[in-house]
Amino acid sequence: MFTGIIEQLGEIVQLEQEAGNLHIEVKSTIVDELKIDQSVAHNGVCLTVVALKPQSYVVTAIAETLDKTNLRSLKEGDFINLERCMLMNGRLDGHIVQGHVDQKAKLINLKFHDGSWEYRFRYDSSLGNVTVEKGSICVNGVSLTVVNSTENEFSVHIIPYTYEFTNFKQLRVGDEVNLEFDIIGKYVARLLHRA
């Protein structure tokens, strides 16, 4: 389980395709604190550490993960949002995040507003996911509050700190991001659908 509070940016140093799997090598200063089999969220995708190197570590994404997330579009030199799994005795600063991406969304508009940035995203609402204003959403692993919500679009505002210390500053209109919708909202939507 995660909180959506990004610890740091990791740099993609090597990508290796093996059958349907993609081995992703990430350079990061957290490598000294990692161990094999540990879960780390990468742009909001929970992946298992499979190898450790002096300044980097390796995770593997299977074909299903690559199909449902933006990891397939990674290139060497890209920066990725990283968060280690939460400690059960720590504060939940963001919201409950599982690291299980529900679907992708496309950035359709980006504006600077007097000290913050507004990002507007469009997603496929036919998959049954919903956003609500003032509700939580996880975008590329970042816990955010929905500002405006329609049936298949929503916007979020990014403060300067988040802009500086996540890969939001690299996003351009047309880029795809990973979405994890609020777990409570997903259960409520599923129960209402069954009724």
C-alpha atoms as a PDB file:
ATOM      1  CA  MET A   1       0.000   0.000   0.000  1.00  0.00           C
ATOM      2  CA  PHE A   2       1.119   3.538  -0.802  1.00  0.00           C
ATOM      3  CA  THR A   3       0.082   7.096  -0.002  1.00  0.00           C
ATOM      4  CA  GLY A   4       0.670   8.944  -3.274  1.00  0.00           C
ATOM      5  CA  ILE A   5       3.379  11.123  -1.725  1.00  0.00           C
ATOM      6  CA  ILE A   6       6.368  10.894  -4.074  1.00  0.00           C
ATOM      7  CA  GLU A   7       9.741  10.337  -2.384  1.00  0.00           C
ATOM      8  CA  GLN A   8      11.901  11.212  -5.355  1.00  0.00           C
ATOM      9  CA  LEU A   9      12.431  10.976  -9.085  1.00  0.00           C
ATOM     10  CA  GLY A  10      14.294   7.963 -10.436  1.00  0.00           C
ATOM     11  CA  GLU A  11      16.133   7.963 -13.758  1.00  0.00           C
ATOM     12  CA  ILE A  12      15.555   5.190 -16.275  1.00  0.00           C
ATOM     13  CA  VAL A  13      19.035   3.926 -17.145  1.00  0.00           C
ATOM     14  CA  GLN A  14      18.208   0.749 -19.078  1.00  0.00           C
ATOM     15  CA  LEU A  15      15.179  -0.952 -20.620  1.00  0.00           C
ATOM     16  CA  GLU A  16      15.388  -4.597 -21.656  1.00  0.00           C
ATOM     17  CA  GLN A  17      12.563  -6.420 -23.415  1.00  0.00           C
ATOM     18  CA  GLU A  18      12.337 -10.166 -22.722  1.00  0.00           C
ATOM     19  CA  ALA A  19       9.395 -11.875 -24.410  1.00  0.00           C
ATOM     20  CA  GLY A  20       6.344  -9.956 -23.083  1.00  0.00           C
ATOM     21  CA  ASN A  21       8.205  -8.561 -20.082  1.00  0.00           C
ATOM     22  CA  LEU A  22      10.073  -5.281 -19.741  1.00  0.00           C
ATOM     23  CA  HIS A  23      12.982  -5.120 -17.286  1.00  0.00           C
ATOM     24  CA  ILE A  24      13.375  -1.538 -16.071  1.00  0.00           C
ATOM     25  CA  GLU A  25      16.610  -0.391 -14.440  1.00  0.00           C
ATOM     26  CA  VAL A  26      16.171   2.709 -12.275  1.00  0.00           C
ATOM     27  CA  LYS A  27      18.952   4.892 -10.861  1.00  0.00           C
ATOM     28  CA  SER A  28      17.977   6.238  -7.453  1.00  0.00           C
ATOM     29  CA  THR A  29      19.488   7.186  -4.113  1.00  0.00           C
ATOM     30  CA  ILE A  30      16.953   4.938  -2.344  1.00  0.00           C
ATOM     31  CA  VAL A  31      18.707   1.831  -3.702  1.00  0.00           C
ATOM     32  CA  ASP A  32      20.701   1.398  -0.470  1.00  0.00           C
ATOM     33  CA  GLU A  33      17.431   1.054   1.456  1.00  0.00           C
ATOM     34  CA  LEU A  34      15.840  -1.475  -0.903  1.00  0.00           C
ATOM     35  CA  LYS A  35      15.859  -5.253  -0.816  1.00  0.00           C
ATOM     36  CA  ILE A  36      14.881  -7.951  -3.280  1.00  0.00           C
ATOM     37  CA  ASP A  37      11.085  -8.605  -3.312  1.00  0.00           C
ATOM     38  CA  GLN A  38      10.276  -5.110  -2.007  1.00  0.00           C
ATOM     39  CA  SER A  39       7.393  -3.189  -3.582  1.00  0.00           C
ATOM     40  CA  VAL A  40       8.050   0.241  -5.082  1.00  0.00           C
ATOM     41  CA  ALA A  41       5.525   2.383  -6.976  1.00  0.00           C
ATOM     42  CA  HIS A  42       6.791   3.670 -10.345  1.00  0.00           C
ATOM     43  CA  ASN A  43       4.488   6.367 -11.769  1.00  0.00           C
ATOM     44  CA  GLY A  44       1.901   4.761  -9.490  1.00  0.00           C
ATOM     45  CA  VAL A  45       2.539   1.193 -10.662  1.00  0.00           C
ATOM     46  CA  CYS A  46       3.485  -1.260  -7.914  1.00  0.00           C
ATOM     47  CA  LEU A  47       6.486  -3.282  -9.130  1.00  0.00           C
ATOM     48  CA  THR A  48       8.742  -5.751  -7.306  1.00  0.00           C
ATOM     49  CA  VAL A  49      12.487  -5.195  -6.972  1.00  0.00           C
ATOM     50  CA  VAL A  50      14.172  -8.165  -8.685  1.00  0.00           C
ATOM     51  CA  ALA A  51      17.836  -7.059  -8.717  1.00  0.00           C
ATOM     52  CA  LEU A  52      20.047  -4.576  -6.895  1.00  0.00           C
ATOM     53  CA  LYS A  53      23.125  -2.797  -8.253  1.00  0.00           C
ATOM     54  CA  PRO A  54      25.432  -0.237  -6.584  1.00  0.00           C
ATOM     55  CA  GLN A  55      23.459   2.823  -7.787  1.00  0.00           C
ATOM     56  CA  SER A  56      20.373   1.298  -9.357  1.00  0.00           C
ATOM     57  CA  TYR A  57      17.803  -1.474  -9.112  1.00  0.00           C
ATOM     58  CA  VAL A  58      15.715  -3.502 -11.543  1.00  0.00           C
ATOM     59  CA  VAL A  59      11.965  -4.168 -11.649  1.00  0.00           C
ATOM     60  CA  THR A  60       9.979  -6.177 -14.195  1.00  0.00           C
ATOM     61  CA  ALA A  61       6.662  -5.203 -15.788  1.00  0.00           C
ATOM     62  CA  ILE A  62       4.653  -7.972 -17.434  1.00  0.00           C
ATOM     63  CA  ALA A  63       2.632  -7.567 -20.648  1.00  0.00           C
ATOM     64  CA  GLU A  64      -0.672  -6.891 -18.854  1.00  0.00           C
ATOM     65  CA  THR A  65       0.938  -4.114 -16.811  1.00  0.00           C
ATOM     66  CA  LEU A  66       2.481  -2.608 -19.938  1.00  0.00           C
ATOM     67  CA  ASP A  67      -0.903  -2.681 -21.717  1.00  0.00           C
ATOM     68  CA  LYS A  68      -2.725  -0.869 -18.894  1.00  0.00           C
ATOM     69  CA  THR A  69      -0.104   1.744 -17.963  1.00  0.00           C
ATOM     70  CA  ASN A  70       2.237   4.282 -19.542  1.00  0.00           C
ATOM     71  CA  LEU A  71       5.359   2.242 -18.703  1.00  0.00           C
ATOM     72  CA  ARG A  72       5.660   0.995 -22.298  1.00  0.00           C
ATOM     73  CA  SER A  73       6.377   4.566 -23.426  1.00  0.00           C
ATOM     74  CA  LEU A  74       9.390   4.969 -21.101  1.00  0.00           C
ATOM     75  CA  LYS A  75      12.746   5.832 -22.657  1.00  0.00           C
ATOM     76  CA  GLU A  76      16.240   5.737 -21.221  1.00  0.00           C
ATOM     77  CA  GLY A  77      16.907   9.092 -19.545  1.00  0.00           C
ATOM     78  CA  ASP A  78      13.255   9.610 -18.544  1.00  0.00           C
ATOM     79  CA  PHE A  79      12.443  10.401 -14.929  1.00  0.00           C
ATOM     80  CA  ILE A  80       9.818   8.413 -13.040  1.00  0.00           C
ATOM     81  CA  ASN A  81       7.948   9.130  -9.798  1.00  0.00           C
ATOM     82  CA  LEU A  82       9.025   6.765  -6.989  1.00  0.00           C
ATOM     83  CA  GLU A  83       7.397   5.838  -3.696  1.00  0.00           C
ATOM     84  CA  ARG A  84       8.281   2.954  -1.402  1.00  0.00           C
ATOM     85  CA  CYS A  85       5.420   1.133   0.304  1.00  0.00           C
ATOM     86  CA  MET A  86       4.077   2.838   3.408  1.00  0.00           C
ATOM     87  CA  LEU A  87       5.039   1.924   6.953  1.00  0.00           C
ATOM     88  CA  MET A  88       2.017   0.881   9.004  1.00  0.00           C
ATOM     89  CA  ASN A  89       3.144   3.124  11.878  1.00  0.00           C
ATOM     90  CA  GLY A  90       3.470   6.218   9.678  1.00  0.00           C
ATOM     91  CA  ARG A  91       1.159   9.052   8.722  1.00  0.00           C
ATOM     92  CA  LEU A  92      -1.117   8.665   5.722  1.00  0.00           C
ATOM     93  CA  ASP A  93      -0.249  12.028   4.164  1.00  0.00           C
ATOM     94  CA  GLY A  94      -1.940  11.453   0.803  1.00  0.00           C
ATOM     95  CA  HIS A  95      -4.726   8.877   0.489  1.00  0.00           C
ATOM     96  CA  ILE A  96      -4.938   5.080   0.305  1.00  0.00           C
ATOM     97  CA  VAL A  97      -3.193   4.030  -2.913  1.00  0.00           C
ATOM     98  CA  GLN A  98      -2.768   0.391  -3.898  1.00  0.00           C
ATOM     99  CA  GLY A  99      -0.344   0.808  -6.773  1.00  0.00           C
ATOM    100  CA  HIS A 100      -2.830  -0.904  -9.100  1.00  0.00           C
ATOM    101  CA  VAL A 101      -3.418   1.352 -12.092  1.00  0.00           C
ATOM    102  CA  ASP A 102      -7.023   1.342 -13.301  1.00  0.00           C
ATOM    103  CA  GLN A 103      -6.466   2.948 -16.680  1.00  0.00           C
ATOM    104  CA  LYS A 104      -4.605   5.622 -18.597  1.00  0.00           C
ATOM    105  CA  ALA A 105      -5.675   9.189 -19.300  1.00  0.00           C
ATOM    106  CA  LYS A 106      -4.488  11.820 -21.762  1.00  0.00           C
ATOM    107  CA  LEU A 107      -3.389  15.317 -20.791  1.00  0.00           C
ATOM    108  CA  ILE A 108      -5.613  17.614 -22.850  1.00  0.00           C
ATOM    109  CA  ASN A 109      -4.877  21.025 -21.365  1.00  0.00           C
ATOM    110  CA  LEU A 110      -2.216  22.684 -19.224  1.00  0.00           C
ATOM    111  CA  LYS A 111      -2.423  26.222 -17.815  1.00  0.00           C
ATOM    112  CA  PHE A 112      -0.412  28.288 -15.356  1.00  0.00           C
ATOM    113  CA  HIS A 113      -2.637  30.040 -12.793  1.00  0.00           C
ATOM    114  CA  ASP A 114      -1.005  32.629 -10.543  1.00  0.00           C
ATOM    115  CA  GLY A 115       1.442  30.288  -8.800  1.00  0.00           C
ATOM    116  CA  SER A 116       0.012  26.864  -9.639  1.00  0.00           C
ATOM    117  CA  TRP A 117      -0.523  24.697 -12.696  1.00  0.00           C
ATOM    118  CA  GLU A 118      -3.856  23.281 -13.839  1.00  0.00           C
ATOM    119  CA  TYR A 119      -3.696  19.933 -15.624  1.00  0.00           C
ATOM    120  CA  ARG A 120      -6.836  18.638 -17.358  1.00  0.00           C
ATOM    121  CA  PHE A 121      -7.106  14.961 -18.274  1.00  0.00           C
ATOM    122  CA  ARG A 122      -9.543  12.898 -20.389  1.00  0.00           C
ATOM    123  CA  TYR A 123     -10.174   9.207 -19.734  1.00  0.00           C
ATOM    124  CA  ASP A 124     -12.461   6.459 -21.033  1.00  0.00           C
ATOM    125  CA  SER A 125     -15.486   6.559 -18.698  1.00  0.00           C
ATOM    126  CA  SER A 126     -16.965   3.396 -20.228  1.00  0.00           C
ATOM    127  CA  LEU A 127     -14.709   1.396 -17.884  1.00  0.00           C
ATOM    128  CA  GLY A 128     -16.905   2.508 -14.970  1.00  0.00           C
ATOM    129  CA  ASN A 129     -14.429   4.731 -13.138  1.00  0.00           C
ATOM    130  CA  VAL A 130     -15.565   8.110 -11.841  1.00  0.00           C
ATOM    131  CA  THR A 131     -14.089  11.211 -10.276  1.00  0.00           C
ATOM    132  CA  VAL A 132     -15.809  13.636  -7.934  1.00  0.00           C
ATOM    133  CA  GLU A 133     -14.888  17.221  -7.138  1.00  0.00           C
ATOM    134  CA  LYS A 134     -12.778  17.445  -3.970  1.00  0.00           C
ATOM    135  CA  GLY A 135     -12.256  13.671  -4.151  1.00  0.00           C
ATOM    136  CA  SER A 136      -8.907  11.912  -4.397  1.00  0.00           C
ATOM    137  CA  ILE A 137      -7.204  10.711  -7.578  1.00  0.00           C
ATOM    138  CA  CYS A 138      -3.748   9.244  -8.105  1.00  0.00           C
ATOM    139  CA  VAL A 139      -2.043  10.510 -11.281  1.00  0.00           C
ATOM    140  CA  ASN A 140       1.331   8.924 -12.148  1.00  0.00           C
ATOM    141  CA  GLY A 141       1.529   7.883  -8.504  1.00  0.00           C
ATOM    142  CA  VAL A 142       0.825  11.356  -7.095  1.00  0.00           C
ATOM    143  CA  SER A 143      -2.066  11.778  -4.639  1.00  0.00           C
ATOM    144  CA  LEU A 144      -4.119  14.768  -5.822  1.00  0.00           C
ATOM    145  CA  THR A 145      -7.481  16.437  -5.240  1.00  0.00           C
ATOM    146  CA  VAL A 146      -9.924  16.648  -8.142  1.00  0.00           C
ATOM    147  CA  VAL A 147     -10.805  20.292  -8.879  1.00  0.00           C
ATOM    148  CA  ASN A 148     -13.312  19.995 -11.738  1.00  0.00           C
ATOM    149  CA  SER A 149     -14.999  16.770 -12.776  1.00  0.00           C
ATOM    150  CA  THR A 150     -17.196  15.771 -15.718  1.00  0.00           C
ATOM    151  CA  GLU A 151     -18.175  12.356 -17.037  1.00  0.00           C
ATOM    152  CA  ASN A 152     -14.828  11.628 -18.694  1.00  0.00           C
ATOM    153  CA  GLU A 153     -12.588  14.560 -17.749  1.00  0.00           C
ATOM    154  CA  PHE A 154     -11.162  16.077 -14.603  1.00  0.00           C
ATOM    155  CA  SER A 155      -8.578  18.646 -13.627  1.00  0.00           C
ATOM    156  CA  VAL A 156      -6.096  18.974 -10.785  1.00  0.00           C
ATOM    157  CA  HIS A 157      -3.973  21.875  -9.586  1.00  0.00           C
ATOM    158  CA  ILE A 158      -0.265  21.350  -8.907  1.00  0.00           C
ATOM    159  CA  ILE A 159       1.579  23.470  -6.352  1.00  0.00           C
ATOM    160  CA  PRO A 160       5.179  24.537  -7.083  1.00  0.00           C
ATOM    161  CA  TYR A 161       6.662  21.903  -4.729  1.00  0.00           C
ATOM    162  CA  THR A 162       4.851  19.038  -6.500  1.00  0.00           C
ATOM    163  CA  TYR A 163       5.746  20.512  -9.889  1.00  0.00           C
ATOM    164  CA  GLU A 164       9.437  20.635  -8.957  1.00  0.00           C
ATOM    165  CA  PHE A 165       9.779  17.223  -7.300  1.00  0.00           C
ATOM    166  CA  THR A 166       7.668  15.000  -9.574  1.00  0.00           C
ATOM    167  CA  ASN A 167       7.632  14.349 -13.301  1.00  0.00           C
ATOM    168  CA  PHE A 168       4.605  16.635 -13.784  1.00  0.00           C
ATOM    169  CA  LYS A 169       7.022  19.285 -15.060  1.00  0.00           C
ATOM    170  CA  GLN A 170       7.850  16.970 -17.995  1.00  0.00           C
ATOM    171  CA  LEU A 171       4.240  16.366 -19.065  1.00  0.00           C
ATOM    172  CA  ARG A 172       3.059  17.887 -22.323  1.00  0.00           C
ATOM    173  CA  VAL A 173      -0.418  18.023 -23.877  1.00  0.00           C
ATOM    174  CA  GLY A 174      -1.067  14.636 -25.501  1.00  0.00           C
ATOM    175  CA  ASP A 175       1.017  12.649 -22.990  1.00  0.00           C
ATOM    176  CA  GLU A 176      -0.539   9.650 -21.252  1.00  0.00           C
ATOM    177  CA  VAL A 177      -0.589   9.230 -17.484  1.00  0.00           C
ATOM    178  CA  ASN A 178      -1.531   6.396 -15.130  1.00  0.00           C
ATOM    179  CA  LEU A 179      -4.721   6.746 -13.092  1.00  0.00           C
ATOM    180  CA  GLU A 180      -5.696   4.973  -9.911  1.00  0.00           C
ATOM    181  CA  PHE A 181      -9.168   5.998  -8.812  1.00  0.00           C
ATOM    182  CA  ASP A 182     -10.124   6.278  -5.141  1.00  0.00           C
ATOM    183  CA  ILE A 183     -10.603   2.774  -3.682  1.00  0.00           C
ATOM    184  CA  ILE A 184     -13.689   3.773  -1.673  1.00  0.00           C
ATOM    185  CA  GLY A 185     -15.267   5.351  -4.742  1.00  0.00           C
ATOM    186  CA  LYS A 186     -14.574   2.206  -6.764  1.00  0.00           C
ATOM    187  CA  TYR A 187     -16.350  -0.009  -4.221  1.00  0.00           C
ATOM    188  CA  VAL A 188     -19.344   2.330  -4.025  1.00  0.00           C
ATOM    189  CA  ALA A 189     -19.609   2.473  -7.834  1.00  0.00           C
ATOM    190  CA  ARG A 190     -19.416  -1.335  -8.082  1.00  0.00           C
ATOM    191  CA  LEU A 191     -22.116  -1.820  -5.416  1.00  0.00           C
ATOM    192  CA  LEU A 192     -24.428   0.697  -7.087  1.00  0.00           C
ATOM    193  CA  HIS A 193     -23.867  -0.993 -10.464  1.00  0.00           C
ATOM    194  CA  ARG A 194     -24.852  -4.375  -8.975  1.00  0.00           C
ATOM    195  CA  ALA A 195     -27.991  -2.890  -7.442  1.00  0.00           C
END
